[in-house]
N, C-alpha and C. Protein backbone atom coordinates (compact mmCIF):
# COMPACT_ATOMS: atom_id res chain seq x y z
N MET A 1 0.79 -1.23 -0.06
CA MET A 1 0.09 -0.01 0.01
C MET A 1 0.87 1.21 -0.02
N GLY A 2 0.40 2.30 -0.65
CA GLY A 2 1.24 3.58 -0.69
C GLY A 2 0.84 4.33 0.61
N GLU A 3 1.59 5.52 0.68
CA GLU A 3 1.43 6.56 1.76
C GLU A 3 0.03 7.15 1.62
N PHE A 4 -0.50 7.58 2.74
CA PHE A 4 -1.65 8.36 2.71
C PHE A 4 -1.26 9.83 2.61
N VAL A 5 -1.84 10.40 1.48
CA VAL A 5 -1.46 11.84 1.19
C VAL A 5 -2.49 12.78 1.87
N ILE A 6 -2.00 13.62 2.77
CA ILE A 6 -2.96 14.45 3.41
C ILE A 6 -3.21 15.74 2.60
N ARG A 7 -4.50 15.95 2.30
CA ARG A 7 -4.77 17.13 1.46
C ARG A 7 -5.67 18.06 2.34
N ASP A 8 -5.78 19.22 1.82
CA ASP A 8 -6.60 20.21 2.49
C ASP A 8 -7.45 20.91 1.50
N CYS A 9 -8.34 21.71 1.79
CA CYS A 9 -9.27 22.37 0.77
C CYS A 9 -9.79 23.68 1.32
N ALA A 10 -10.35 24.47 0.45
CA ALA A 10 -11.00 25.77 0.69
C ALA A 10 -12.02 25.96 -0.26
N LEU A 11 -13.03 26.85 0.04
CA LEU A 11 -14.13 27.10 -0.84
C LEU A 11 -14.04 28.44 -1.43
N LEU A 12 -14.29 28.55 -2.75
CA LEU A 12 -14.47 29.89 -3.45
C LEU A 12 -16.00 30.00 -3.69
N ILE A 13 -16.70 30.73 -2.83
CA ILE A 13 -18.15 30.89 -2.92
C ILE A 13 -18.59 32.02 -3.70
N ARG A 14 -19.69 31.81 -4.56
CA ARG A 14 -20.14 32.77 -5.36
C ARG A 14 -21.69 32.60 -5.54
N MET A 15 -22.33 33.73 -5.98
CA MET A 15 -23.82 33.69 -6.17
C MET A 15 -24.15 32.73 -7.33
N SER A 16 -25.20 31.98 -7.23
CA SER A 16 -25.57 30.99 -8.19
C SER A 16 -26.30 31.63 -9.46
N GLY A 17 -26.87 32.80 -9.26
CA GLY A 17 -27.76 33.39 -10.35
C GLY A 17 -29.15 33.24 -10.21
N LEU A 18 -29.56 32.35 -9.20
CA LEU A 18 -31.01 32.16 -8.88
C LEU A 18 -31.57 33.35 -8.11
N PRO A 19 -32.82 33.82 -8.26
CA PRO A 19 -33.37 34.79 -7.49
C PRO A 19 -33.48 34.26 -6.02
N ALA A 20 -33.35 35.22 -5.11
CA ALA A 20 -33.46 34.77 -3.63
C ALA A 20 -34.91 34.37 -3.40
N ALA A 21 -35.09 33.57 -2.37
CA ALA A 21 -36.39 33.02 -2.05
C ALA A 21 -36.79 33.81 -0.74
N VAL A 22 -38.13 34.24 -0.70
CA VAL A 22 -38.66 34.95 0.48
C VAL A 22 -39.72 34.12 1.19
N ASN A 23 -40.22 33.10 0.63
CA ASN A 23 -41.17 32.23 1.21
C ASN A 23 -41.04 30.84 0.84
N LEU A 24 -41.83 29.89 1.39
CA LEU A 24 -41.69 28.55 1.24
C LEU A 24 -41.98 28.10 -0.21
N ARG A 25 -42.97 28.82 -0.89
CA ARG A 25 -43.23 28.32 -2.18
C ARG A 25 -42.07 28.71 -3.15
N GLU A 26 -41.40 29.81 -2.90
CA GLU A 26 -40.30 30.21 -3.72
C GLU A 26 -39.16 29.28 -3.43
N LEU A 27 -39.01 28.86 -2.24
CA LEU A 27 -37.93 27.90 -2.00
C LEU A 27 -38.08 26.73 -2.81
N ARG A 28 -39.33 26.14 -2.84
CA ARG A 28 -39.62 24.99 -3.59
C ARG A 28 -39.40 25.14 -5.16
N GLU A 29 -39.74 26.39 -5.61
CA GLU A 29 -39.61 26.67 -6.99
C GLU A 29 -38.10 26.71 -7.43
N ARG A 30 -37.32 27.37 -6.46
CA ARG A 30 -35.92 27.56 -6.82
C ARG A 30 -35.17 26.21 -6.75
N LEU A 31 -35.58 25.38 -5.78
CA LEU A 31 -34.73 24.09 -5.58
C LEU A 31 -35.10 23.08 -6.72
N ALA A 32 -36.33 23.31 -7.36
CA ALA A 32 -36.65 22.39 -8.34
C ALA A 32 -35.80 22.59 -9.71
N VAL A 33 -35.24 23.78 -9.80
CA VAL A 33 -34.40 24.05 -11.01
C VAL A 33 -33.00 24.42 -10.66
N ALA A 34 -32.63 24.49 -9.37
CA ALA A 34 -31.24 24.78 -9.05
C ALA A 34 -30.26 23.83 -9.56
N SER A 35 -29.11 24.34 -9.92
CA SER A 35 -28.07 23.37 -10.33
C SER A 35 -27.59 22.48 -9.19
N PRO A 36 -27.01 21.27 -9.58
CA PRO A 36 -26.55 20.38 -8.53
C PRO A 36 -25.51 21.06 -7.58
N ALA A 37 -24.71 22.04 -8.09
CA ALA A 37 -23.80 22.67 -7.31
C ALA A 37 -24.43 23.47 -6.15
N VAL A 38 -25.59 24.01 -6.37
CA VAL A 38 -26.29 24.77 -5.34
C VAL A 38 -26.75 23.79 -4.25
N LEU A 39 -27.29 22.66 -4.60
CA LEU A 39 -27.75 21.63 -3.57
C LEU A 39 -26.55 21.15 -2.87
N TYR A 40 -25.46 20.90 -3.54
CA TYR A 40 -24.21 20.41 -2.92
C TYR A 40 -23.78 21.46 -1.86
N HIS A 41 -23.77 22.71 -2.26
CA HIS A 41 -23.23 23.72 -1.35
C HIS A 41 -24.00 23.77 -0.10
N HIS A 42 -25.34 23.97 -0.30
CA HIS A 42 -26.22 24.29 0.96
C HIS A 42 -26.50 23.05 1.75
N PHE A 43 -26.23 21.82 1.14
CA PHE A 43 -26.37 20.61 2.06
C PHE A 43 -25.02 20.02 2.52
N CYS A 44 -24.05 20.11 1.73
CA CYS A 44 -22.72 19.41 2.10
C CYS A 44 -21.59 20.27 2.48
N GLU A 45 -21.50 21.48 1.88
CA GLU A 45 -20.40 22.32 2.07
C GLU A 45 -20.46 23.23 3.35
N THR A 46 -21.74 23.26 3.85
CA THR A 46 -21.99 24.28 5.01
C THR A 46 -20.92 24.14 6.20
N PRO A 47 -20.47 22.95 6.53
CA PRO A 47 -19.57 22.97 7.66
C PRO A 47 -18.23 23.73 7.39
N LEU A 48 -17.96 24.01 6.06
CA LEU A 48 -16.73 24.74 5.76
C LEU A 48 -16.95 26.22 5.79
N VAL A 49 -18.23 26.65 5.90
CA VAL A 49 -18.49 28.06 5.83
C VAL A 49 -18.24 28.70 7.40
N PRO A 50 -17.37 29.65 7.54
CA PRO A 50 -17.02 30.07 8.91
C PRO A 50 -18.24 30.53 9.75
N SER A 51 -19.20 31.12 9.16
CA SER A 51 -20.39 31.56 9.77
C SER A 51 -21.35 30.55 10.26
N PHE A 52 -21.16 29.39 9.69
CA PHE A 52 -22.17 28.27 9.93
C PHE A 52 -21.85 27.54 11.24
N ASP A 53 -22.67 27.64 12.25
CA ASP A 53 -22.36 26.90 13.52
C ASP A 53 -23.74 26.70 14.20
N ASN A 54 -24.51 25.72 13.66
CA ASN A 54 -25.72 25.41 14.29
C ASN A 54 -25.89 23.86 14.43
N PRO A 55 -25.75 23.46 15.79
CA PRO A 55 -25.67 22.06 16.07
C PRO A 55 -26.87 21.23 15.82
N ASP A 56 -28.03 21.93 15.68
CA ASP A 56 -29.34 21.18 15.50
C ASP A 56 -29.69 20.97 14.07
N TYR A 57 -29.20 21.84 13.21
CA TYR A 57 -29.55 21.66 11.85
C TYR A 57 -28.30 21.91 10.90
N ARG A 58 -28.01 20.85 10.13
CA ARG A 58 -26.66 20.84 9.44
C ARG A 58 -26.83 21.19 7.93
N ASN A 59 -27.87 21.88 7.55
CA ASN A 59 -27.93 22.38 6.26
C ASN A 59 -28.66 23.80 6.20
N ASP A 60 -28.33 24.64 5.26
CA ASP A 60 -28.86 25.99 5.26
C ASP A 60 -30.42 26.03 5.17
N PHE A 61 -30.99 25.17 4.51
CA PHE A 61 -32.36 25.27 4.34
C PHE A 61 -33.14 25.02 5.60
N ALA A 62 -32.62 24.03 6.39
CA ALA A 62 -33.32 23.74 7.67
C ALA A 62 -33.04 25.01 8.65
N VAL A 63 -31.98 25.55 8.62
CA VAL A 63 -31.69 26.74 9.42
C VAL A 63 -32.66 27.90 9.03
N TRP A 64 -32.67 28.08 7.76
CA TRP A 64 -33.60 29.25 7.26
C TRP A 64 -35.09 29.00 7.58
N ALA A 65 -35.49 27.73 7.49
CA ALA A 65 -36.86 27.33 7.78
C ALA A 65 -37.25 27.62 9.23
N LYS A 66 -36.31 27.40 10.04
CA LYS A 66 -36.56 27.62 11.58
C LYS A 66 -36.41 29.06 11.86
N PHE A 67 -35.31 29.71 11.55
CA PHE A 67 -35.06 31.06 12.07
C PHE A 67 -35.65 32.21 11.23
N HIS A 68 -35.93 31.93 10.00
CA HIS A 68 -36.53 33.08 9.18
C HIS A 68 -37.94 32.79 8.68
N LEU A 69 -38.29 31.57 8.37
CA LEU A 69 -39.66 31.23 8.07
C LEU A 69 -40.57 31.03 9.32
N GLY A 70 -39.83 30.71 10.45
CA GLY A 70 -40.47 30.33 11.63
C GLY A 70 -41.31 29.04 11.56
N ASP A 71 -40.81 28.08 10.71
CA ASP A 71 -41.50 26.80 10.56
C ASP A 71 -40.58 25.71 11.16
N ARG A 72 -40.82 25.45 12.46
CA ARG A 72 -40.02 24.36 13.11
C ARG A 72 -40.28 22.99 12.51
N VAL A 73 -41.55 22.74 12.07
CA VAL A 73 -41.88 21.32 11.59
C VAL A 73 -41.05 21.10 10.32
N LEU A 74 -41.04 22.08 9.39
CA LEU A 74 -40.19 22.03 8.17
C LEU A 74 -38.79 21.89 8.46
N ALA A 75 -38.28 22.69 9.52
CA ALA A 75 -36.92 22.63 9.85
C ALA A 75 -36.50 21.30 10.28
N GLU A 76 -37.26 20.54 11.10
CA GLU A 76 -37.03 19.30 11.63
C GLU A 76 -36.85 18.30 10.47
N ARG A 77 -37.85 18.37 9.52
CA ARG A 77 -37.80 17.45 8.43
C ARG A 77 -36.58 17.65 7.52
N LEU A 78 -36.35 18.85 7.24
CA LEU A 78 -35.12 19.16 6.39
C LEU A 78 -33.83 18.75 7.14
N GLY A 79 -33.89 19.03 8.40
CA GLY A 79 -32.66 18.74 9.22
C GLY A 79 -32.23 17.27 9.36
N THR A 80 -33.22 16.29 9.07
CA THR A 80 -32.93 14.93 9.22
C THR A 80 -32.35 14.41 7.93
N ILE A 81 -32.34 15.14 6.84
CA ILE A 81 -31.84 14.63 5.60
C ILE A 81 -30.24 14.47 5.62
N ASP A 82 -29.89 13.34 5.32
CA ASP A 82 -28.49 13.02 5.24
C ASP A 82 -28.11 13.02 3.69
N PRO A 83 -27.48 14.07 3.15
CA PRO A 83 -27.26 14.21 1.69
C PRO A 83 -26.33 13.09 1.18
N TYR A 84 -25.58 12.44 2.05
CA TYR A 84 -24.75 11.40 1.58
C TYR A 84 -25.42 10.06 1.43
N ALA A 85 -26.66 9.97 1.87
CA ALA A 85 -27.39 8.79 1.76
C ALA A 85 -28.03 8.59 0.47
N TYR A 86 -28.00 9.62 -0.46
CA TYR A 86 -28.65 9.44 -1.78
C TYR A 86 -27.58 9.13 -2.86
N PRO A 87 -28.00 8.34 -3.88
CA PRO A 87 -26.95 7.85 -4.88
C PRO A 87 -26.39 9.06 -5.66
N ASP A 88 -27.16 10.16 -5.78
CA ASP A 88 -26.72 11.33 -6.56
C ASP A 88 -27.49 12.53 -6.09
N LEU A 89 -27.08 13.71 -6.59
CA LEU A 89 -27.75 14.94 -6.20
C LEU A 89 -29.20 15.06 -6.74
N GLU A 90 -29.52 14.47 -7.92
CA GLU A 90 -30.85 14.46 -8.43
C GLU A 90 -31.80 13.82 -7.52
N ALA A 91 -31.33 12.68 -6.98
CA ALA A 91 -32.17 11.86 -5.99
C ALA A 91 -32.40 12.72 -4.74
N LEU A 92 -31.41 13.39 -4.30
CA LEU A 92 -31.50 14.36 -3.13
C LEU A 92 -32.56 15.51 -3.56
N ARG A 93 -32.46 15.99 -4.72
CA ARG A 93 -33.40 17.10 -5.09
C ARG A 93 -34.86 16.50 -5.02
N GLU A 94 -35.05 15.37 -5.65
CA GLU A 94 -36.42 14.83 -5.56
C GLU A 94 -36.98 14.66 -4.22
N GLN A 95 -36.16 14.24 -3.22
CA GLN A 95 -36.58 14.11 -1.91
C GLN A 95 -36.90 15.36 -1.34
N VAL A 96 -36.14 16.43 -1.50
CA VAL A 96 -36.32 17.70 -0.92
C VAL A 96 -37.59 18.36 -1.48
N VAL A 97 -37.71 18.25 -2.84
CA VAL A 97 -38.95 18.88 -3.47
C VAL A 97 -40.21 18.27 -2.95
N GLU A 98 -40.09 16.88 -2.83
CA GLU A 98 -41.36 16.16 -2.38
C GLU A 98 -41.65 16.65 -0.92
N LEU A 99 -40.64 16.79 -0.11
CA LEU A 99 -40.86 17.24 1.28
C LEU A 99 -41.43 18.60 1.35
N LEU A 100 -41.02 19.47 0.49
CA LEU A 100 -41.55 20.84 0.45
C LEU A 100 -43.02 20.84 -0.07
N ASP A 101 -43.20 19.93 -1.03
CA ASP A 101 -44.65 19.92 -1.53
C ASP A 101 -45.67 19.46 -0.42
N GLN A 102 -45.10 18.50 0.36
CA GLN A 102 -45.91 17.96 1.40
C GLN A 102 -46.18 19.08 2.44
N ARG A 103 -45.21 19.80 2.69
CA ARG A 103 -45.43 20.90 3.78
C ARG A 103 -46.29 22.00 3.20
N LEU A 104 -46.20 22.31 1.89
CA LEU A 104 -47.13 23.20 1.33
C LEU A 104 -48.56 22.81 1.40
N SER A 105 -48.77 21.54 1.30
CA SER A 105 -50.09 21.02 1.34
C SER A 105 -50.74 21.03 2.73
N GLU A 106 -49.85 21.14 3.74
CA GLU A 106 -50.34 21.05 5.02
C GLU A 106 -50.62 22.45 5.71
N VAL A 107 -50.04 23.56 5.18
CA VAL A 107 -50.17 24.86 5.78
C VAL A 107 -51.35 25.70 5.12
N PHE A 108 -51.92 26.49 5.88
CA PHE A 108 -53.02 27.36 5.32
C PHE A 108 -52.39 28.61 4.84
N VAL A 109 -51.34 29.10 5.40
CA VAL A 109 -50.65 30.31 5.04
C VAL A 109 -49.26 29.95 4.64
N VAL A 110 -48.82 30.36 3.47
CA VAL A 110 -47.35 29.94 3.16
C VAL A 110 -46.43 30.75 4.00
N PRO A 111 -45.45 30.13 4.75
CA PRO A 111 -44.51 30.81 5.59
C PRO A 111 -43.67 31.76 4.78
N GLN A 112 -43.45 32.93 5.31
CA GLN A 112 -42.67 33.89 4.62
C GLN A 112 -41.67 34.53 5.59
N ALA A 113 -40.53 34.87 5.05
CA ALA A 113 -39.45 35.46 5.80
C ALA A 113 -39.59 36.94 5.91
N PRO A 114 -39.17 37.53 7.02
CA PRO A 114 -39.22 39.01 7.16
C PRO A 114 -38.41 39.69 6.05
N VAL A 115 -38.62 40.94 5.88
CA VAL A 115 -37.70 41.76 4.87
C VAL A 115 -36.23 41.69 5.46
N GLY A 116 -35.48 41.42 4.43
CA GLY A 116 -34.00 41.25 4.80
C GLY A 116 -33.53 39.98 5.21
N SER A 117 -34.50 38.98 5.30
CA SER A 117 -34.11 37.59 5.69
C SER A 117 -34.33 36.64 4.53
N GLU A 118 -34.19 37.10 3.32
CA GLU A 118 -34.43 36.24 2.22
C GLU A 118 -33.23 35.18 2.15
N LEU A 119 -33.48 34.15 1.43
CA LEU A 119 -32.43 33.14 1.26
C LEU A 119 -31.68 33.26 -0.08
N PHE A 120 -30.43 33.50 -0.10
CA PHE A 120 -29.70 33.60 -1.26
C PHE A 120 -29.10 32.23 -1.58
N PHE A 121 -29.16 31.87 -2.84
CA PHE A 121 -28.68 30.62 -3.28
C PHE A 121 -27.22 30.75 -3.86
N MET A 122 -26.38 29.95 -3.15
CA MET A 122 -24.88 30.07 -3.48
C MET A 122 -24.38 28.79 -4.07
N GLU A 123 -23.21 28.84 -4.63
CA GLU A 123 -22.50 27.62 -5.05
C GLU A 123 -21.06 27.90 -4.90
N ALA A 124 -20.18 26.89 -4.96
CA ALA A 124 -18.81 27.01 -4.67
C ALA A 124 -17.89 26.16 -5.55
N THR A 125 -16.66 26.59 -5.65
CA THR A 125 -15.64 25.72 -6.24
C THR A 125 -14.75 25.31 -5.10
N THR A 126 -14.39 24.07 -4.98
CA THR A 126 -13.52 23.55 -3.95
C THR A 126 -12.11 23.47 -4.48
N VAL A 127 -11.24 24.28 -3.84
CA VAL A 127 -9.83 24.20 -4.20
C VAL A 127 -9.12 23.26 -3.29
N VAL A 128 -8.50 22.22 -3.91
CA VAL A 128 -7.82 21.17 -3.09
C VAL A 128 -6.23 21.38 -3.28
N PHE A 129 -5.56 21.19 -2.12
CA PHE A 129 -4.15 21.30 -2.25
C PHE A 129 -3.43 20.32 -1.33
N ASP A 130 -2.32 19.95 -1.80
CA ASP A 130 -1.36 18.97 -1.05
C ASP A 130 -0.78 19.68 0.07
N THR A 131 -0.90 19.11 1.37
CA THR A 131 -0.21 19.76 2.52
C THR A 131 1.23 19.45 2.60
N GLY A 132 1.66 18.53 1.85
CA GLY A 132 3.09 17.95 1.90
C GLY A 132 3.26 17.00 2.95
N ARG A 133 2.20 16.68 3.80
CA ARG A 133 2.40 15.65 4.88
C ARG A 133 1.90 14.23 4.40
N ARG A 134 2.53 13.29 4.93
CA ARG A 134 2.24 11.90 4.49
C ARG A 134 2.08 11.01 5.78
N VAL A 135 1.32 9.96 5.61
CA VAL A 135 1.19 8.94 6.69
C VAL A 135 1.68 7.66 6.06
N ALA A 136 2.86 7.06 6.59
CA ALA A 136 3.43 6.03 5.99
C ALA A 136 2.85 4.65 6.44
N ARG A 137 2.39 4.59 7.73
CA ARG A 137 1.93 3.28 8.21
C ARG A 137 0.53 3.48 8.93
N PRO A 138 -0.28 2.49 8.88
CA PRO A 138 -1.63 2.63 9.45
C PRO A 138 -1.67 2.98 10.85
N GLU A 139 -0.68 2.57 11.70
CA GLU A 139 -0.70 2.96 13.18
C GLU A 139 -0.33 4.31 13.34
N GLU A 140 0.04 5.12 12.36
CA GLU A 140 0.28 6.55 12.43
C GLU A 140 -0.93 7.40 12.06
N LEU A 141 -1.98 6.75 11.53
CA LEU A 141 -3.09 7.58 11.00
C LEU A 141 -3.81 8.31 12.18
N CYS A 142 -3.94 7.71 13.36
CA CYS A 142 -4.68 8.35 14.39
C CYS A 142 -4.13 9.69 14.83
N ARG A 143 -2.80 9.70 15.00
CA ARG A 143 -2.17 10.90 15.40
C ARG A 143 -2.21 11.88 14.28
N ALA A 144 -2.12 11.42 13.09
CA ALA A 144 -2.20 12.38 11.94
C ALA A 144 -3.53 13.15 11.86
N VAL A 145 -4.65 12.28 12.02
CA VAL A 145 -5.96 12.87 12.02
C VAL A 145 -6.15 13.93 13.07
N GLU A 146 -5.56 13.56 14.29
CA GLU A 146 -5.70 14.48 15.45
C GLU A 146 -5.06 15.87 15.13
N ARG A 147 -4.09 15.83 14.25
CA ARG A 147 -3.35 17.14 13.92
C ARG A 147 -3.88 17.81 12.69
N MET A 148 -4.86 17.20 12.01
CA MET A 148 -5.39 17.68 10.75
C MET A 148 -6.26 18.98 11.09
N THR A 149 -6.41 19.84 10.11
CA THR A 149 -7.28 20.95 10.09
C THR A 149 -8.73 20.39 9.94
N THR A 150 -9.72 21.13 10.39
CA THR A 150 -11.05 20.68 10.10
C THR A 150 -11.41 20.60 8.61
N SER A 151 -10.86 21.48 7.80
CA SER A 151 -11.02 21.36 6.38
C SER A 151 -10.39 20.15 5.75
N SER A 152 -9.34 19.63 6.29
CA SER A 152 -8.75 18.33 5.89
C SER A 152 -9.72 17.17 6.29
N VAL A 153 -10.21 17.20 7.45
CA VAL A 153 -11.18 16.28 7.91
C VAL A 153 -12.37 16.25 6.95
N TYR A 154 -12.92 17.41 6.55
CA TYR A 154 -14.05 17.58 5.65
C TYR A 154 -13.65 16.79 4.37
N TYR A 155 -12.49 17.17 3.84
CA TYR A 155 -12.10 16.64 2.51
C TYR A 155 -12.00 15.09 2.53
N HIS A 156 -11.35 14.63 3.60
CA HIS A 156 -11.00 13.13 3.58
C HIS A 156 -12.30 12.25 4.16
N PHE A 157 -13.10 12.80 5.01
CA PHE A 157 -14.16 12.13 5.51
C PHE A 157 -15.55 12.39 4.94
N LEU A 158 -15.81 13.52 4.56
CA LEU A 158 -17.10 13.92 4.07
C LEU A 158 -17.11 13.97 2.56
N GLU A 159 -16.31 14.89 1.98
CA GLU A 159 -16.33 15.09 0.56
C GLU A 159 -15.97 13.88 -0.23
N ALA A 160 -15.12 13.04 0.42
CA ALA A 160 -14.81 11.78 -0.30
C ALA A 160 -15.94 10.92 -0.60
N ARG A 161 -17.03 10.97 0.15
CA ARG A 161 -18.18 10.19 -0.04
C ARG A 161 -18.89 10.49 -1.39
N ARG A 162 -18.72 11.71 -1.94
CA ARG A 162 -19.23 12.10 -3.22
C ARG A 162 -18.13 11.91 -4.31
N ARG A 163 -16.86 11.93 -3.95
CA ARG A 163 -15.86 11.87 -4.84
C ARG A 163 -15.42 10.55 -5.28
N THR A 164 -15.44 9.47 -4.32
CA THR A 164 -14.96 8.23 -4.52
C THR A 164 -16.05 7.29 -5.07
N ARG A 165 -15.78 6.34 -5.97
CA ARG A 165 -16.79 5.44 -6.54
C ARG A 165 -17.46 4.62 -5.43
N ALA A 166 -16.69 4.23 -4.38
CA ALA A 166 -17.33 3.36 -3.35
C ALA A 166 -18.16 4.11 -2.30
N GLY A 167 -18.07 5.44 -2.39
CA GLY A 167 -18.88 6.30 -1.57
C GLY A 167 -18.32 6.15 -0.04
N SER A 168 -17.09 5.92 0.06
CA SER A 168 -16.52 5.83 1.42
C SER A 168 -15.48 6.93 1.70
N ASP A 169 -15.17 7.06 3.03
CA ASP A 169 -14.18 8.14 3.33
C ASP A 169 -12.79 7.54 3.01
N ASP A 170 -11.86 8.47 2.89
CA ASP A 170 -10.52 8.15 2.50
C ASP A 170 -9.77 7.39 3.50
N PHE A 171 -10.06 7.57 4.83
CA PHE A 171 -9.35 6.81 5.88
C PHE A 171 -9.62 5.29 5.76
N SER A 172 -11.01 5.07 5.63
CA SER A 172 -11.39 3.69 5.54
C SER A 172 -10.79 2.99 4.36
N ALA A 173 -10.84 3.63 3.17
CA ALA A 173 -10.36 3.11 2.00
C ALA A 173 -8.88 2.71 2.14
N TRP A 174 -8.10 3.59 2.85
CA TRP A 174 -6.73 3.38 2.97
C TRP A 174 -6.46 2.16 3.90
N LEU A 175 -7.16 2.18 5.04
CA LEU A 175 -6.97 1.09 6.03
C LEU A 175 -7.42 -0.25 5.46
N THR A 176 -8.43 -0.25 4.59
CA THR A 176 -8.92 -1.44 3.86
C THR A 176 -7.70 -2.09 3.14
N ASP A 177 -6.99 -1.19 2.41
CA ASP A 177 -5.82 -1.71 1.63
C ASP A 177 -4.69 -2.28 2.54
N ALA A 178 -4.79 -1.91 3.87
CA ALA A 178 -3.73 -2.35 4.76
C ALA A 178 -3.95 -3.76 5.26
N GLY A 179 -5.11 -4.37 4.90
CA GLY A 179 -5.30 -5.67 5.30
C GLY A 179 -6.33 -6.00 6.41
N PRO A 180 -6.70 -7.20 6.53
CA PRO A 180 -7.78 -7.56 7.52
C PRO A 180 -7.63 -7.22 8.90
N ALA A 181 -6.39 -6.94 9.34
CA ALA A 181 -6.10 -6.64 10.71
C ALA A 181 -6.74 -5.27 11.06
N TYR A 182 -7.07 -4.41 10.09
CA TYR A 182 -7.57 -3.04 10.32
C TYR A 182 -9.09 -3.01 9.97
N GLN A 183 -9.70 -4.19 9.70
CA GLN A 183 -11.12 -4.22 9.45
C GLN A 183 -11.90 -3.73 10.63
N PRO A 184 -11.67 -3.95 11.87
CA PRO A 184 -12.48 -3.44 13.00
C PRO A 184 -12.40 -1.86 12.96
N ALA A 185 -11.35 -1.20 12.52
CA ALA A 185 -11.18 0.22 12.55
C ALA A 185 -12.11 0.77 11.37
N VAL A 186 -12.01 0.04 10.22
CA VAL A 186 -12.73 0.43 9.06
C VAL A 186 -14.25 0.42 9.40
N GLU A 187 -14.72 -0.67 10.02
CA GLU A 187 -16.12 -0.80 10.46
C GLU A 187 -16.51 0.30 11.48
N ALA A 188 -15.64 0.58 12.41
CA ALA A 188 -15.85 1.63 13.34
C ALA A 188 -16.07 2.99 12.66
N LEU A 189 -15.30 3.30 11.76
CA LEU A 189 -15.41 4.51 10.91
C LEU A 189 -16.70 4.58 10.18
N HIS A 190 -17.08 3.41 9.55
CA HIS A 190 -18.29 3.40 8.80
C HIS A 190 -19.51 3.63 9.65
N GLY A 191 -19.34 3.33 11.01
CA GLY A 191 -20.53 3.46 11.88
C GLY A 191 -20.78 4.85 12.48
N ILE A 192 -19.92 5.83 11.97
CA ILE A 192 -20.12 7.20 12.48
C ILE A 192 -21.28 7.83 11.84
N ASP A 193 -22.18 8.37 12.68
CA ASP A 193 -23.39 9.09 12.19
C ASP A 193 -22.92 10.56 12.03
N ILE A 194 -22.80 11.05 10.87
CA ILE A 194 -22.16 12.31 10.62
C ILE A 194 -23.25 13.48 10.81
N THR A 195 -24.52 13.15 11.05
CA THR A 195 -25.65 14.09 10.92
C THR A 195 -25.41 15.38 11.78
N PHE A 196 -25.03 15.25 13.05
CA PHE A 196 -25.03 16.37 13.85
C PHE A 196 -23.71 16.75 14.43
N PHE A 197 -22.64 16.24 13.84
CA PHE A 197 -21.30 16.59 14.25
C PHE A 197 -20.78 17.84 13.61
N THR A 198 -20.19 18.69 14.26
CA THR A 198 -19.38 19.74 13.69
C THR A 198 -18.10 19.08 13.24
N LEU A 199 -17.29 19.83 12.43
CA LEU A 199 -16.17 19.25 11.92
C LEU A 199 -15.13 18.99 13.02
N ALA A 200 -15.00 19.77 14.02
CA ALA A 200 -14.08 19.48 15.18
C ALA A 200 -14.58 18.33 15.96
N GLU A 201 -15.87 18.18 16.18
CA GLU A 201 -16.41 17.01 16.83
C GLU A 201 -16.21 15.70 16.05
N LEU A 202 -16.41 15.83 14.74
CA LEU A 202 -16.14 14.69 13.81
C LEU A 202 -14.73 14.24 13.93
N ARG A 203 -13.70 15.23 13.92
CA ARG A 203 -12.30 14.85 13.97
C ARG A 203 -12.10 14.05 15.34
N ALA A 204 -12.66 14.59 16.44
CA ALA A 204 -12.53 13.95 17.69
C ALA A 204 -12.99 12.56 17.67
N GLU A 205 -14.20 12.32 16.97
CA GLU A 205 -14.88 11.01 16.93
C GLU A 205 -14.05 10.07 16.12
N VAL A 206 -13.49 10.54 15.06
CA VAL A 206 -12.60 9.65 14.28
C VAL A 206 -11.39 9.20 15.03
N VAL A 207 -10.71 10.13 15.72
CA VAL A 207 -9.63 9.81 16.51
C VAL A 207 -9.93 8.76 17.56
N ARG A 208 -11.12 9.02 18.31
CA ARG A 208 -11.59 8.10 19.36
C ARG A 208 -11.79 6.63 18.75
N ARG A 209 -12.39 6.59 17.62
CA ARG A 209 -12.73 5.23 17.05
C ARG A 209 -11.42 4.58 16.58
N LEU A 210 -10.45 5.26 15.96
CA LEU A 210 -9.26 4.72 15.60
C LEU A 210 -8.47 4.25 16.76
N ARG A 211 -8.46 4.98 17.87
CA ARG A 211 -7.79 4.58 19.04
C ARG A 211 -8.41 3.34 19.70
N GLU A 212 -9.75 3.27 19.74
CA GLU A 212 -10.36 2.16 20.47
C GLU A 212 -10.39 1.00 19.55
N HIS A 213 -10.65 1.02 18.24
CA HIS A 213 -10.84 -0.12 17.44
C HIS A 213 -9.64 -0.51 16.56
N GLY A 214 -8.73 0.47 16.48
CA GLY A 214 -7.49 0.17 15.73
C GLY A 214 -6.30 -0.02 16.47
N GLY A 215 -6.44 0.17 17.76
CA GLY A 215 -5.25 0.00 18.67
C GLY A 215 -4.16 0.99 18.30
N GLN A 216 -4.51 2.10 17.84
CA GLN A 216 -3.52 3.09 17.43
C GLN A 216 -3.22 4.15 18.44
N PRO A 217 -2.00 4.51 18.71
CA PRO A 217 -1.58 5.50 19.73
C PRO A 217 -1.99 6.86 19.20
N CYS A 218 -2.43 7.71 20.28
CA CYS A 218 -2.73 9.21 19.90
C CYS A 218 -2.26 9.95 21.12
């Protein structure tokens, strides 16, 4: 097996060109035609946005529904969506639009955001770079993860699920190549529920599971 190459990343965020949404109906209309990049940014890339820090809702649409539309029911439904559980972004779009249609059928008055609280649809380019650091042996991975930036953790543990054919994180893929002795660690990493972790919490959880199931020093 080769060395594990530690990479990092940053976002170049820009306006998508879609009109802003001011109510639930407009949210539904915009998401039905939004580019996959918009869906990916607001569902998957939010942990990398410095201003995003809401432990209850891990995507922008759930946060907007709660704090600006005042619709806690919708926020809870949107907040339970795991974008990595869908085979592609079109399947994710179908689920979100269906959920919004359902909510529209339930309300008598379409929820609307106050003036100045409209939702702007963004997209981003991910810039990936080599940190120059390498992990030569599996038993060194735990300490390496502990020292990673949160954006490195995002790239190797979350973004990899869309990037790799197997839909797995980079750590698990590398340990799998190391042989059956590391299978318990691989299974432990696969068992992490990413839904409500911040990136710092996710890093700590990866380290904990590598230490406990891989016998790796940290």
